[in-house]
Amino acid sequence: MYVCSCFGVTDKQVKEHAAAGACTPRQIASATKAGTDCGSCVRTIQGLLGRGACPRRELLEKGSAPAAVLAPEAQLAEAA
């Protein structure tokens, strides 16, 4: 099934990128461009990503991730 018709991105591709460590729609967009044109697929991408385990998020919560790896997410977490 196509998730992003603007760039022809499928749910399988989103799931593959998620399995490889992409935890947010922004990270999926960086890898596939999905969600960067009309934006109508962002909620679907969020649904596919769910609230499951995220290796990068787990490292952030434990405080053991290098700052360079999590810089954008770490800055957002600190600002909140």
C-alpha atoms as a PDB file:
ATOM      1  CA  MET A   1       0.000   0.000   0.000  1.00  0.00           C
ATOM      2  CA  TYR A   2       1.259   3.459  -0.843  1.00  0.00           C
ATOM      3  CA  VAL A   3       1.649   5.724   2.167  1.00  0.00           C
ATOM      4  CA  CYS A   4       2.991   8.724   0.280  1.00  0.00           C
ATOM      5  CA  SER A   5       1.602   9.126  -3.212  1.00  0.00           C
ATOM      6  CA  CYS A   6       3.716  12.237  -3.835  1.00  0.00           C
ATOM      7  CA  PHE A   7       6.951  10.240  -3.703  1.00  0.00           C
ATOM      8  CA  GLY A   8       5.679   6.677  -4.137  1.00  0.00           C
ATOM      9  CA  VAL A   9       6.660   5.492  -0.661  1.00  0.00           C
ATOM     10  CA  THR A  10       5.034   2.293   0.572  1.00  0.00           C
ATOM     11  CA  ASP A  11       4.182   1.101   4.063  1.00  0.00           C
ATOM     12  CA  LYS A  12       6.797  -1.636   3.571  1.00  0.00           C
ATOM     13  CA  GLN A  13       9.496   0.993   2.982  1.00  0.00           C
ATOM     14  CA  VAL A  14       8.428   2.940   6.089  1.00  0.00           C
ATOM     15  CA  LYS A  15       8.543  -0.249   8.163  1.00  0.00           C
ATOM     16  CA  GLU A  16      11.988  -1.133   6.787  1.00  0.00           C
ATOM     17  CA  HIS A  17      13.354   2.301   7.707  1.00  0.00           C
ATOM     18  CA  ALA A  18      11.728   2.031  11.141  1.00  0.00           C
ATOM     19  CA  ALA A  19      13.395  -1.349  11.666  1.00  0.00           C
ATOM     20  CA  ALA A  20      16.693   0.267  10.693  1.00  0.00           C
ATOM     21  CA  GLY A  21      16.266   2.906  13.418  1.00  0.00           C
ATOM     22  CA  ALA A  22      14.074   5.696  12.023  1.00  0.00           C
ATOM     23  CA  CYS A  23      11.795   6.554  14.943  1.00  0.00           C
ATOM     24  CA  THR A  24      10.000   9.699  13.841  1.00  0.00           C
ATOM     25  CA  PRO A  25       8.182  10.957  10.749  1.00  0.00           C
ATOM     26  CA  ARG A  26      11.011  13.452  10.308  1.00  0.00           C
ATOM     27  CA  GLN A  27      13.566  10.634  10.133  1.00  0.00           C
ATOM     28  CA  ILE A  28      11.367   8.781   7.637  1.00  0.00           C
ATOM     29  CA  ALA A  29      11.170  11.998   5.600  1.00  0.00           C
ATOM     30  CA  SER A  30      14.954  12.306   5.621  1.00  0.00           C
ATOM     31  CA  ALA A  31      15.262   8.792   4.251  1.00  0.00           C
ATOM     32  CA  THR A  32      12.369   8.786   1.760  1.00  0.00           C
ATOM     33  CA  LYS A  33      11.006  12.349   1.332  1.00  0.00           C
ATOM     34  CA  ALA A  34       7.603  11.019   2.475  1.00  0.00           C
ATOM     35  CA  GLY A  35       5.672  13.766   4.222  1.00  0.00           C
ATOM     36  CA  THR A  36       7.685  16.624   2.753  1.00  0.00           C
ATOM     37  CA  ASP A  37       5.355  17.648  -0.077  1.00  0.00           C
ATOM     38  CA  CYS A  38       1.635  17.823   0.714  1.00  0.00           C
ATOM     39  CA  GLY A  39       1.987  16.302   4.207  1.00  0.00           C
ATOM     40  CA  SER A  40      -1.167  14.218   4.074  1.00  0.00           C
ATOM     41  CA  CYS A  41       0.773  11.022   4.813  1.00  0.00           C
ATOM     42  CA  VAL A  42       2.407  12.187   8.053  1.00  0.00           C
ATOM     43  CA  ARG A  43      -0.366  10.819  10.280  1.00  0.00           C
ATOM     44  CA  THR A  44      -0.245   7.483   8.488  1.00  0.00           C
ATOM     45  CA  ILE A  45       3.520   7.367   9.000  1.00  0.00           C
ATOM     46  CA  GLN A  46       3.026   8.183  12.679  1.00  0.00           C
ATOM     47  CA  GLY A  47       0.561   5.313  12.898  1.00  0.00           C
ATOM     48  CA  LEU A  48       2.992   2.909  11.264  1.00  0.00           C
ATOM     49  CA  LEU A  49       5.784   3.962  13.614  1.00  0.00           C
ATOM     50  CA  GLY A  50       3.498   3.675  16.624  1.00  0.00           C
ATOM     51  CA  ARG A  51       4.844   4.015  20.112  1.00  0.00           C
ATOM     52  CA  GLY A  52       7.003   0.930  19.986  1.00  0.00           C
ATOM     53  CA  ALA A  53      10.600   0.558  21.022  1.00  0.00           C
ATOM     54  CA  CYS A  54      12.989   2.983  19.414  1.00  0.00           C
ATOM     55  CA  PRO A  55      16.698   2.292  19.891  1.00  0.00           C
ATOM     56  CA  ARG A  56      17.578   5.982  19.634  1.00  0.00           C
ATOM     57  CA  ARG A  57      14.811   6.975  22.066  1.00  0.00           C
ATOM     58  CA  GLU A  58      15.891   4.266  24.520  1.00  0.00           C
ATOM     59  CA  LEU A  59      19.481   5.548  24.418  1.00  0.00           C
ATOM     60  CA  LEU A  60      18.257   9.084  25.055  1.00  0.00           C
ATOM     61  CA  GLU A  61      16.173   8.005  28.039  1.00  0.00           C
ATOM     62  CA  LYS A  62      19.118   6.093  29.508  1.00  0.00           C
ATOM     63  CA  GLY A  63      21.389   9.071  28.911  1.00  0.00           C
ATOM     64  CA  SER A  64      24.005   6.911  27.244  1.00  0.00           C
ATOM     65  CA  ALA A  65      23.764   8.167  23.672  1.00  0.00           C
ATOM     66  CA  PRO A  66      26.471  10.366  22.201  1.00  0.00           C
ATOM     67  CA  ALA A  67      25.235  13.931  21.772  1.00  0.00           C
ATOM     68  CA  ALA A  68      26.089  13.930  18.061  1.00  0.00           C
ATOM     69  CA  VAL A  69      23.820  10.940  17.434  1.00  0.00           C
ATOM     70  CA  LEU A  70      20.793  12.392  19.187  1.00  0.00           C
ATOM     71  CA  ALA A  71      21.450  16.096  18.953  1.00  0.00           C
ATOM     72  CA  PRO A  72      18.104  17.215  17.449  1.00  0.00           C
ATOM     73  CA  GLU A  73      16.014  14.873  19.595  1.00  0.00           C
ATOM     74  CA  ALA A  74      18.047  15.619  22.722  1.00  0.00           C
ATOM     75  CA  GLN A  75      17.601  19.349  22.238  1.00  0.00           C
ATOM     76  CA  LEU A  76      13.848  18.923  21.877  1.00  0.00           C
ATOM     77  CA  ALA A  77      13.694  16.750  24.989  1.00  0.00           C
ATOM     78  CA  GLU A  78      15.698  19.266  27.005  1.00  0.00           C
ATOM     79  CA  ALA A  79      13.480  22.123  25.817  1.00  0.00           C
ATOM     80  CA  ALA A  80      10.323  20.309  26.931  1.00  0.00           C
END
